[in-house]
Protein backbone atom coordinates (compact mmCIF):
# COMPACT_ATOMS: atom_id res chain seq x y z
CA MET A 1 0.00 0.00 0.00
CA THR A 2 1.39 3.43 -0.99
CA VAL A 3 1.42 6.24 1.57
CA LYS A 4 2.21 9.80 0.48
CA VAL A 5 3.91 12.08 3.00
CA ALA A 6 4.13 15.81 2.28
CA ILE A 7 7.01 17.72 3.88
CA ALA A 8 5.91 21.30 4.49
CA GLN A 9 9.19 23.21 4.80
CA MET A 10 7.79 26.53 6.00
CA ASN A 11 9.02 29.87 7.25
CA SER A 12 7.18 30.60 10.50
CA THR A 13 7.24 33.95 12.24
CA VAL A 14 7.45 33.96 16.03
CA GLY A 15 4.17 35.09 17.56
CA ASP A 16 2.32 35.45 14.25
CA LEU A 17 -0.34 32.88 15.06
CA ALA A 18 -2.73 34.02 12.33
CA GLY A 19 -0.03 34.09 9.66
CA ASN A 20 1.45 30.74 10.63
CA ARG A 21 -2.01 29.17 10.83
CA ALA A 22 -2.85 30.44 7.35
CA LYS A 23 0.43 29.10 5.98
CA ILE A 24 -0.13 25.62 7.47
CA PHE A 25 -3.64 25.59 6.01
CA ASP A 26 -2.42 26.59 2.55
CA LEU A 27 0.37 24.00 2.54
CA SER A 28 -2.08 21.34 3.72
CA ARG A 29 -4.56 22.28 1.00
CA ARG A 30 -1.88 21.99 -1.68
CA ALA A 31 -0.70 18.67 -0.25
CA PHE A 32 -4.26 17.30 -0.11
CA GLU A 33 -4.89 18.28 -3.72
CA ALA A 34 -1.69 16.43 -4.65
CA GLY A 35 -2.94 13.27 -2.94
CA ALA A 36 -1.05 13.39 0.37
CA ASP A 37 -2.02 11.20 3.31
CA ILE A 38 0.22 13.01 5.84
CA VAL A 39 1.52 16.58 6.08
CA LEU A 40 4.54 17.11 8.32
CA THR A 41 5.28 20.67 9.46
CA PRO A 42 8.40 21.79 11.40
CA GLU A 43 8.94 22.20 15.14
CA LEU A 44 6.55 24.69 16.81
CA SER A 45 5.27 25.57 13.35
CA LEU A 46 2.11 27.23 14.67
CA VAL A 47 3.92 29.74 16.89
CA GLY A 48 7.36 30.09 15.27
CA TYR A 49 10.72 29.04 16.68
CA PRO A 50 12.18 29.94 19.12
CA PRO A 51 9.37 31.76 20.99
CA GLU A 52 11.66 32.38 23.98
CA ASP A 53 9.93 34.15 26.90
CA LEU A 54 6.54 34.21 25.20
CA LEU A 55 6.53 30.66 26.55
CA LEU A 56 6.32 32.03 30.09
CA ARG A 57 3.00 33.78 29.43
CA ASN A 58 -0.25 31.96 30.13
CA ALA A 59 -2.02 34.14 27.59
CA PHE A 60 0.31 32.88 24.87
CA TYR A 61 -0.83 29.29 25.45
CA ALA A 62 -4.46 30.38 25.45
CA LYS A 63 -4.05 32.21 22.13
CA THR A 64 -2.14 29.25 20.71
CA GLN A 65 -4.95 26.88 21.62
CA GLU A 66 -7.46 29.24 20.05
CA ALA A 67 -5.47 29.29 16.80
CA PHE A 68 -4.97 25.52 16.94
CA ALA A 69 -8.70 24.87 17.37
CA GLY A 70 -9.43 27.15 14.44
CA LEU A 71 -6.84 25.38 12.31
CA ALA A 72 -8.32 21.99 13.20
CA ALA A 73 -11.75 23.17 12.11
CA ASP A 74 -10.34 24.59 8.87
CA LEU A 75 -8.50 21.37 8.04
CA ALA A 76 -11.56 19.17 8.62
CA GLN A 77 -12.57 19.67 4.99
CA PHE A 78 -9.54 17.65 3.87
CA LYS A 79 -10.96 14.21 4.59
CA ASP A 80 -8.55 11.65 6.08
CA LEU A 81 -5.53 14.00 5.81
CA HIS A 82 -3.21 13.70 8.81
CA VAL A 83 -1.53 17.05 9.58
CA VAL A 84 1.32 17.14 12.11
CA VAL A 85 1.41 20.58 13.76
CA GLY A 86 4.09 21.78 16.17
CA LEU A 87 2.90 23.83 19.14
CA PRO A 88 3.58 24.49 22.84
CA LEU A 89 1.13 22.93 25.29
CA GLN A 90 0.32 23.78 28.91
CA ASP A 91 -1.79 21.41 31.00
CA GLU A 92 -4.16 22.23 33.83
CA LYS A 93 -1.30 22.02 36.35
CA GLY A 94 0.78 24.52 34.41
CA VAL A 95 3.24 21.92 33.06
CA ARG A 96 4.51 22.97 29.65
CA HIS A 97 5.68 20.83 26.73
CA ASN A 98 7.16 21.26 23.28
CA ALA A 99 4.66 19.15 21.34
CA ALA A 100 3.47 17.94 17.96
CA SER A 101 -0.18 17.04 17.48
CA VAL A 102 -1.77 15.09 14.64
CA LEU A 103 -4.99 16.61 13.30
CA LEU A 104 -7.40 14.34 11.45
CA ASN A 105 -10.90 15.29 10.24
CA GLY A 106 -11.15 18.20 12.66
CA GLU A 107 -10.00 16.27 15.72
CA VAL A 108 -6.72 15.68 17.54
CA LEU A 109 -5.72 12.11 16.80
CA GLY A 110 -2.89 12.23 19.31
CA THR A 111 0.05 14.26 20.60
CA TYR A 112 3.76 13.66 21.08
CA ARG A 113 5.70 15.64 23.69
CA LYS A 114 9.42 16.22 23.25
CA HIS A 115 11.80 14.23 25.44
CA ASP A 116 15.27 15.68 24.87
CA LEU A 117 15.31 19.41 25.59
CA PRO A 118 18.45 21.15 24.28
CA ASN A 119 20.00 23.62 26.69
CA THR A 120 23.31 24.56 25.07
CA THR A 121 24.52 27.15 22.52
CA VAL A 122 21.41 28.94 21.19
CA PHE A 123 18.93 26.65 22.95
CA ASP A 124 17.44 27.00 26.43
CA GLU A 125 14.37 24.75 26.28
CA LYS A 126 14.76 23.52 29.85
CA ARG A 127 13.89 27.06 30.90
CA TYR A 128 10.42 26.60 29.41
CA PHE A 129 9.49 22.95 28.97
CA MET A 130 9.26 19.66 30.82
CA SER A 131 10.40 16.40 29.27
CA SER A 132 8.10 13.47 28.48
CA ASP A 133 8.88 9.75 28.07
CA GLN A 134 5.71 8.77 26.25
CA ALA A 135 5.91 7.51 22.67
CA PHE A 136 3.17 8.22 20.14
CA VAL A 137 2.52 6.06 17.08
CA PHE A 138 -0.36 6.15 14.59
CA GLY A 139 -1.24 4.07 11.55
CA VAL A 140 -1.97 5.13 7.96
CA LYS A 141 -2.82 2.47 5.36
CA GLY A 142 -1.10 -0.22 7.36
CA VAL A 143 2.12 1.72 8.00
CA ARG A 144 3.00 2.76 11.55
CA PHE A 145 4.35 6.29 11.97
CA GLY A 146 6.02 7.59 15.14
CA ILE A 147 6.97 11.15 16.02
CA ASN A 148 10.16 12.54 17.57
CA ILE A 149 10.95 16.25 17.76
CA CYS A 150 14.35 17.62 16.65
CA GLU A 151 16.80 16.98 19.52
CA ASP A 152 15.12 13.65 20.29
CA THR A 153 16.86 12.12 17.29
CA TRP A 154 20.31 13.31 18.39
CA PHE A 155 20.20 10.56 21.02
CA GLU A 156 19.07 6.96 20.79
CA HIS A 157 16.43 6.62 23.50
CA ALA A 158 13.50 8.47 21.86
CA PRO A 159 13.87 6.63 18.52
CA MET A 160 14.21 3.35 20.47
CA ARG A 161 10.97 4.07 22.34
CA ALA A 162 9.20 4.85 19.07
CA ARG A 163 10.44 1.58 17.59
CA ALA A 164 9.37 -0.34 20.68
CA ALA A 165 5.90 1.21 20.35
CA GLY A 166 5.62 -0.20 16.83
CA ALA A 167 6.85 2.66 14.63
CA GLN A 168 8.22 1.80 11.18
CA VAL A 169 8.74 5.37 9.98
CA LEU A 170 9.78 8.30 12.17
CA LEU A 171 8.32 11.76 11.47
CA VAL A 172 10.64 14.45 12.84
CA PRO A 173 9.58 18.12 13.05
CA ASN A 174 12.73 20.25 13.38
CA GLY A 175 13.92 23.71 14.33
CA SER A 176 17.57 23.08 13.46
CA PRO A 177 19.62 26.25 12.85
CA TYR A 178 22.20 26.47 10.11
CA HIS A 179 25.93 26.48 10.43
CA MET A 180 28.46 25.55 7.76
CA ASN A 181 28.31 21.87 6.79
CA LYS A 182 25.43 21.26 9.21
CA GLN A 183 23.62 18.99 6.77
CA HIS A 184 26.37 16.35 6.80
CA LEU A 185 26.20 16.30 10.59
CA ARG A 186 22.44 15.80 10.45
CA TYR A 187 22.79 12.89 8.04
CA GLU A 188 25.36 11.13 10.17
CA THR A 189 23.40 11.69 13.37
CA MET A 190 20.17 10.36 11.85
CA ARG A 191 21.99 7.27 10.57
CA LYS A 192 23.46 6.67 14.01
CA HIS A 193 20.26 7.06 16.02
CA VAL A 194 17.32 6.45 13.64
CA SER A 195 18.50 4.18 10.82
CA ALA A 196 20.26 2.06 13.44
CA GLN A 197 16.82 1.31 14.89
CA GLY A 198 15.60 0.06 11.51
CA LEU A 199 13.40 3.13 11.00
CA ALA A 200 12.92 5.23 7.90
CA LEU A 201 12.91 8.98 8.60
CA VAL A 202 11.05 12.07 7.36
CA TYR A 203 12.90 15.18 8.55
CA ALA A 204 10.98 18.48 8.21
CA ASN A 205 13.09 21.51 9.09
CA LEU A 206 12.18 25.16 9.44
CA VAL A 207 13.46 27.65 6.92
CA GLY A 208 13.97 31.38 7.47
CA GLY A 209 15.66 33.90 9.71
CA GLN A 210 14.62 34.60 13.29
CA ASP A 211 16.69 37.32 14.95
CA GLU A 212 20.26 35.97 15.07
CA LEU A 213 19.31 32.46 13.92
CA ILE A 214 19.00 31.19 10.35
CA PHE A 215 17.16 27.98 9.49
CA ASP A 216 18.23 26.46 6.19
CA GLY A 217 15.38 24.06 5.48
CA ASP A 218 17.23 21.18 3.77
CA SER A 219 14.50 18.78 4.87
CA PHE A 220 15.04 15.21 3.71
CA VAL A 221 13.87 11.60 3.72
CA MET A 222 16.15 8.73 4.71
CA ASP A 223 15.40 5.03 4.44
CA ALA A 224 16.16 2.43 7.10
CA ALA A 225 19.54 1.73 5.49
CA GLY A 226 20.59 5.38 5.87
CA THR A 227 20.24 6.29 2.19
CA ILE A 228 18.92 9.77 1.32
CA CYS A 229 15.79 9.29 -0.79
CA ALA A 230 14.55 12.89 -1.09
CA GLN A 231 15.94 16.35 -0.44
CA LEU A 232 14.07 19.66 -0.24
CA ARG A 233 15.38 23.07 -1.22
CA HIS A 234 18.09 25.00 0.57
CA PHE A 235 17.08 28.29 2.23
CA GLU A 236 13.65 28.39 0.56
CA GLU A 237 10.14 27.38 1.50
CA ASP A 238 9.20 24.11 -0.15
CA LEU A 239 6.49 21.47 -0.27
CA GLN A 240 7.38 18.03 -1.52
CA LEU A 241 5.50 14.73 -1.57
CA VAL A 242 7.36 11.50 -0.95
CA GLU A 243 5.79 8.13 -1.62
CA PHE A 244 6.29 5.21 0.73
CA ASP A 245 5.91 1.65 -0.49
CA GLY A 246 4.90 0.27 2.85
CA ALA A 247 7.55 1.62 5.24
CA THR A 248 10.13 2.16 2.48
CA PRO A 249 10.47 5.58 0.84
CA VAL A 250 10.60 5.62 -2.96
CA PRO A 251 13.85 7.36 -4.01
CA GLN A 252 13.68 10.65 -5.91
CA ALA A 253 16.27 12.47 -7.98
CA LEU A 254 18.50 14.60 -5.75
CA ALA A 255 19.78 18.03 -6.66
CA ALA A 256 23.52 18.66 -6.47
CA PRO A 257 24.56 20.04 -3.05
CA LEU A 258 25.54 23.68 -2.75
CA THR A 259 29.16 24.68 -2.33
CA THR A 260 30.07 26.06 1.09
CA GLU A 261 30.36 29.56 -0.39
CA ALA A 262 26.91 29.32 -1.97
CA GLN A 263 25.45 28.05 1.32
CA VAL A 264 26.90 30.95 3.28
CA TYR A 265 25.80 33.55 0.74
CA GLN A 266 22.23 32.22 0.65
CA ALA A 267 22.17 32.10 4.46
CA LEU A 268 23.24 35.76 4.66
CA VAL A 269 20.65 36.82 2.09
CA LEU A 270 17.87 34.94 3.92
CA GLY A 271 18.95 36.27 7.32
CA VAL A 272 18.91 39.89 6.11
CA ARG A 273 15.59 39.49 4.29
CA ASP A 274 13.76 38.01 7.26
CA TYR A 275 15.31 40.31 9.87
CA ILE A 276 14.19 43.33 7.88
CA GLY A 277 10.82 41.91 6.90
CA LYS A 278 9.78 40.30 10.18
CA ASN A 279 10.76 43.40 12.17
CA GLY A 280 9.03 45.79 9.80
CA PHE A 281 11.95 47.97 8.68
CA PRO A 282 11.34 49.87 5.42
CA GLY A 283 14.86 49.27 4.14
CA VAL A 284 18.57 49.39 4.90
CA LEU A 285 21.48 51.84 4.92
CA ILE A 286 25.05 50.88 4.08
CA GLY A 287 28.18 52.95 4.46
CA MET A 288 30.25 52.50 1.30
CA SER A 289 34.04 52.55 1.40
CA GLY A 290 34.97 51.20 -2.00
CA GLY A 291 36.31 48.08 -0.29
CA VAL A 292 35.33 44.45 -0.55
CA ASP A 293 33.33 44.27 2.70
CA SER A 294 30.89 47.08 1.94
CA ALA A 295 30.58 45.89 -1.67
CA LEU A 296 29.66 42.37 -0.56
CA THR A 297 27.23 43.71 2.05
CA LEU A 298 25.57 45.84 -0.62
CA ALA A 299 25.19 42.84 -2.95
CA ILE A 300 23.67 40.75 -0.14
CA ALA A 301 21.23 43.53 0.71
CA VAL A 302 20.08 43.97 -2.89
CA ASP A 303 19.61 40.23 -3.36
CA ALA A 304 17.69 40.07 -0.07
CA LEU A 305 15.46 43.12 -0.42
CA GLY A 306 15.62 44.54 -3.92
CA ALA A 307 17.47 47.70 -4.96
CA ASP A 308 14.56 50.00 -4.04
CA LYS A 309 14.98 49.21 -0.32
CA VAL A 310 18.74 49.79 -0.20
CA ARG A 311 20.52 53.12 0.21
CA ALA A 312 24.30 53.47 0.01
CA VAL A 313 26.15 56.40 1.56
CA MET A 314 29.74 57.39 0.84
CA MET A 315 31.31 59.67 3.50
CA PRO A 316 34.67 60.82 2.16
CA SER A 317 37.30 62.78 4.03
CA GLN A 318 40.44 64.50 2.80
CA PHE A 319 42.19 61.14 3.18
CA THR A 320 39.85 59.19 0.89
CA ALA A 321 41.72 57.67 -2.06
CA ASP A 322 40.45 58.13 -5.61
CA ILE A 323 40.01 54.37 -6.00
CA SER A 324 37.48 54.40 -3.14
CA TRP A 325 35.30 56.90 -5.03
CA ILE A 326 35.66 55.01 -8.30
CA ASP A 327 34.78 51.61 -6.85
CA SER A 328 31.86 52.88 -4.76
CA ARG A 329 30.28 54.71 -7.69
CA ASP A 330 30.78 51.71 -9.96
CA MET A 331 29.17 49.32 -7.48
CA VAL A 332 26.03 51.38 -6.84
CA LYS A 333 25.62 51.96 -10.59
CA ARG A 334 25.78 48.22 -11.23
CA LEU A 335 23.17 47.49 -8.57
CA ASP A 336 21.01 50.56 -9.26
CA VAL A 337 20.59 51.65 -5.63
CA ARG A 338 20.18 55.14 -4.21
CA TYR A 339 23.59 56.65 -3.58
CA ASP A 340 24.57 59.75 -1.63
CA GLU A 341 27.91 61.32 -0.79
CA ILE A 342 28.23 63.19 2.51
CA PRO A 343 31.71 64.71 3.00
CA ILE A 344 33.00 64.59 6.58
CA LYS A 345 36.09 66.84 6.35
CA GLN A 346 34.47 69.70 8.25
CA THR A 347 33.16 67.36 10.93
CA PHE A 348 36.55 65.68 11.26
CA ASP A 349 38.30 69.06 11.54
CA ALA A 350 35.82 70.09 14.25
CA PHE A 351 36.62 66.96 16.25
CA ARG A 352 40.34 67.60 15.97
CA ALA A 353 39.89 71.22 17.02
CA THR A 354 37.84 70.13 20.04
CA LEU A 355 40.56 67.68 21.06
CA ALA A 356 43.53 69.90 20.18
CA ASP A 357 44.47 70.70 23.78
CA GLU A 358 44.18 67.06 24.85
CA PHE A 359 46.27 65.85 21.91
CA ALA A 360 48.89 68.61 22.01
CA GLY A 361 52.40 67.21 21.50
CA LEU A 362 51.12 63.74 20.59
CA ALA A 363 51.69 62.16 17.18
CA GLU A 364 48.75 61.26 14.99
CA ASP A 365 47.96 57.53 15.04
CA ALA A 366 45.00 55.18 14.90
CA THR A 367 43.08 57.60 17.13
CA GLU A 368 42.47 60.01 14.27
CA GLU A 369 41.61 57.16 11.90
CA ASN A 370 39.04 55.89 14.38
CA ILE A 371 37.50 59.36 14.73
CA GLN A 372 36.68 59.20 11.02
CA ALA A 373 35.03 55.79 11.42
CA ARG A 374 33.02 57.04 14.40
CA ILE A 375 31.84 60.13 12.54
CA ARG A 376 30.59 57.86 9.76
CA GLY A 377 28.84 55.58 12.25
CA THR A 378 27.15 58.56 13.91
CA LEU A 379 25.90 59.92 10.58
CA LEU A 380 24.57 56.55 9.47
CA MET A 381 22.71 56.11 12.75
CA ALA A 382 21.27 59.61 12.42
CA LEU A 383 19.92 58.75 8.97
CA SER A 384 18.56 55.52 10.41
CA ASN A 385 16.77 57.33 13.24
CA LYS A 386 15.30 59.92 10.90
CA HIS A 387 14.16 57.62 8.07
CA GLY A 388 13.58 54.31 9.86
CA SER A 389 15.90 52.17 7.74
CA ILE A 390 18.31 49.95 9.64
CA VAL A 391 22.08 50.22 9.24
CA LEU A 392 23.85 47.07 8.04
CA THR A 393 27.34 46.76 9.51
CA THR A 394 30.05 45.92 7.01
CA GLY A 395 32.75 44.41 9.22
CA ASN A 396 33.54 40.72 8.83
CA LYS A 397 34.12 37.98 11.40
CA SER A 398 37.88 37.90 10.85
CA GLU A 399 38.13 41.59 11.68
CA MET A 400 35.89 41.10 14.71
CA ALA A 401 38.08 38.22 15.91
CA VAL A 402 41.28 40.27 15.93
CA GLY A 403 39.80 43.63 16.96
CA TYR A 404 40.50 45.35 13.65
CA CYS A 405 37.08 47.03 13.45
CA THR A 406 36.21 50.26 15.25
CA LEU A 407 33.83 50.28 18.20
CA TYR A 408 31.08 52.90 17.59
CA GLY A 409 32.40 53.23 14.02
CA ASP A 410 32.13 50.45 11.46
CA MET A 411 30.56 48.30 14.20
CA ALA A 412 27.64 50.73 14.50
CA GLY A 413 24.37 49.41 13.15
CA GLY A 414 21.52 47.01 13.67
């Protein structure tokens, strides 16, 4: 018997219950029309990930339940479609769980509560949730599907419990942030803890930027032998149906993996786009220098937002080299963004005059260079305050690591 599982790789927004609910409904509708039996959405898909201290508010759980009930009623029209929805739950005693519930014909078929709560690096789930040991397995056309959530599959006990409860295929909603070469680590971890249990795996990961985190999507299907049978898009929303012949996924053609450079560039573009969009900024400001860093930042911004939402500002002093003018003007012409030049010589001279007594008898050094950078940072932030656009910093991680960038200067921005 063939079972069709739809992976709904979606970009949730934290706290946007109405928007996330509408997105889950639309993805489920499209999956149903394509013949899906199951729709798997990512971790905490209904509320966005990570909700952080919203999870400490009772009203947040009440609003979540209201949205969840509405979604269940909306999905009832899709007869016999199983939709796995991630959401936080709070019981009558106030105990809170990171959960995934299966909706079927307007009712909750069952719920799985996360066991392994990550509490390192960017995660602090033990601050909000309690762990649960209970497995949850449900059947569709003779195939038994279990659920684990994200971190559960980075250890062996939750997949083992699912297997012991009769699962043949593991559905895994994820909120797994991107870092370079993360996908290879995911593959190896799933082989070690899921394939080793004799389980096939459907891995549905979030995509999108949320504050300092970027989720790359890269959802996939793995068979019980550890072979990748399907792969969703990188850094984009996606909906893909995968057929199972019994408990065995039918292999699909796989796209070539991205190079590391392409991964990083797409991650930066997505992070900028969602930070600007989800926080409601009208656009961005970039201080141009003619150098590689500001040029790359400008290209990322235009790819993320479009040229109409990007403004470049050149702030030359008497020390600015001709090549800086030439390169800056060439770059903004190529990308067709608004470009302004604001000379800072008078401002720089005023600073030096103000500090003349303090600096008397002392040789010029990096101090004067840093004054220029700090003038530029102040002007960019003034434009940001007045017009509402956010300043993108142009320093890179290598400079940050060795202290080469200027505090309150090229480090100024949002």
